[in-house]
Amino acid sequence: MKKYMRDSDENLGTNVVDTYLAQLGAIAAGAKVAPMPLQQVILATLNIVWLSERGFIPNDDFNGVLLVHAR
């Protein structure tokens, strides 16, 4: 997780933000299959954590989902 959540926003610029948002959009568009493959669940979760930790998407602490991870 630390490798995934490295400070690539500084190293790669905000292009990585567009990539992660596009991945989330693609996952959401294909989410009609149940159950969702584990790889997609992990990728979506990590994208959301990365984007919210850096302020690119708002943190929604009141949506009923709690993302707990070590720093």
Protein backbone atom coordinates (compact mmCIF):
# COMPACT_ATOMS: atom_id res chain seq x y z
CA MET A 1 0.00 0.00 0.00
CA LYS A 2 2.84 2.40 0.76
CA LYS A 3 4.26 1.83 -2.73
CA TYR A 4 0.86 2.55 -4.27
CA MET A 5 0.27 5.60 -2.11
CA ARG A 6 3.73 7.12 -2.62
CA ASP A 7 3.75 10.81 -3.36
CA SER A 8 3.35 10.22 -7.08
CA ASP A 9 1.18 13.31 -7.33
CA GLU A 10 4.37 15.35 -6.83
CA ASN A 11 6.57 13.08 -8.96
CA LEU A 12 4.19 12.57 -11.88
CA GLY A 13 2.03 15.69 -11.71
CA THR A 14 -1.75 15.73 -11.65
CA ASN A 15 -1.99 13.44 -14.68
CA VAL A 16 -2.09 10.55 -12.21
CA VAL A 17 -5.26 12.09 -10.75
CA ASP A 18 -6.97 11.89 -14.14
CA THR A 19 -5.84 8.27 -14.47
CA TYR A 20 -7.25 7.29 -11.08
CA LEU A 21 -10.53 9.10 -11.74
CA ALA A 22 -10.82 7.35 -15.12
CA GLN A 23 -10.19 4.00 -13.45
CA LEU A 24 -12.95 4.71 -10.94
CA GLY A 25 -15.31 5.66 -13.76
CA ALA A 26 -14.53 2.46 -15.66
CA ILE A 27 -15.02 0.35 -12.55
CA ALA A 28 -18.35 2.05 -11.81
CA ALA A 29 -19.52 1.56 -15.40
CA GLY A 30 -18.74 -2.15 -15.21
CA ALA A 31 -20.12 -2.64 -11.70
CA LYS A 32 -23.29 -4.25 -12.99
CA VAL A 33 -21.72 -7.69 -12.45
CA ALA A 34 -22.17 -9.08 -8.97
CA PRO A 35 -20.07 -9.87 -7.15
CA MET A 36 -17.47 -7.35 -8.25
CA PRO A 37 -14.05 -8.95 -8.80
CA LEU A 38 -11.74 -8.53 -5.81
CA GLN A 39 -9.06 -6.83 -7.91
CA GLN A 40 -11.53 -4.09 -8.87
CA VAL A 41 -12.65 -3.62 -5.28
CA ILE A 42 -9.05 -3.21 -4.14
CA LEU A 43 -8.17 -0.87 -7.00
CA ALA A 44 -11.23 1.32 -6.40
CA THR A 45 -10.57 1.46 -2.65
CA LEU A 46 -6.92 2.40 -3.10
CA ASN A 47 -7.81 5.04 -5.69
CA ILE A 48 -10.36 6.58 -3.34
CA VAL A 49 -7.90 6.59 -0.42
CA TRP A 50 -5.13 8.12 -2.56
CA LEU A 51 -7.39 10.81 -4.02
CA SER A 52 -9.02 11.74 -0.70
CA GLU A 53 -5.74 11.78 1.26
CA ARG A 54 -4.38 14.35 -1.20
CA GLY A 55 -7.53 16.46 -1.35
CA PHE A 56 -8.51 15.69 -4.95
CA ILE A 57 -11.90 14.34 -3.87
CA PRO A 58 -13.77 15.32 -0.73
CA ASN A 59 -13.57 13.04 2.27
CA ASP A 60 -17.06 11.80 3.05
CA ASP A 61 -16.84 10.64 6.64
CA PHE A 62 -20.59 10.28 6.89
CA ASN A 63 -21.35 7.85 4.05
CA GLY A 64 -21.30 4.73 6.24
CA VAL A 65 -17.94 3.48 4.91
CA LEU A 66 -14.85 3.71 7.07
CA LEU A 67 -11.47 3.43 5.34
CA VAL A 68 -8.89 2.53 7.98
CA HIS A 69 -5.26 2.19 6.96
CA ALA A 70 -1.82 2.54 8.49
CA ARG A 71 0.38 5.49 7.62
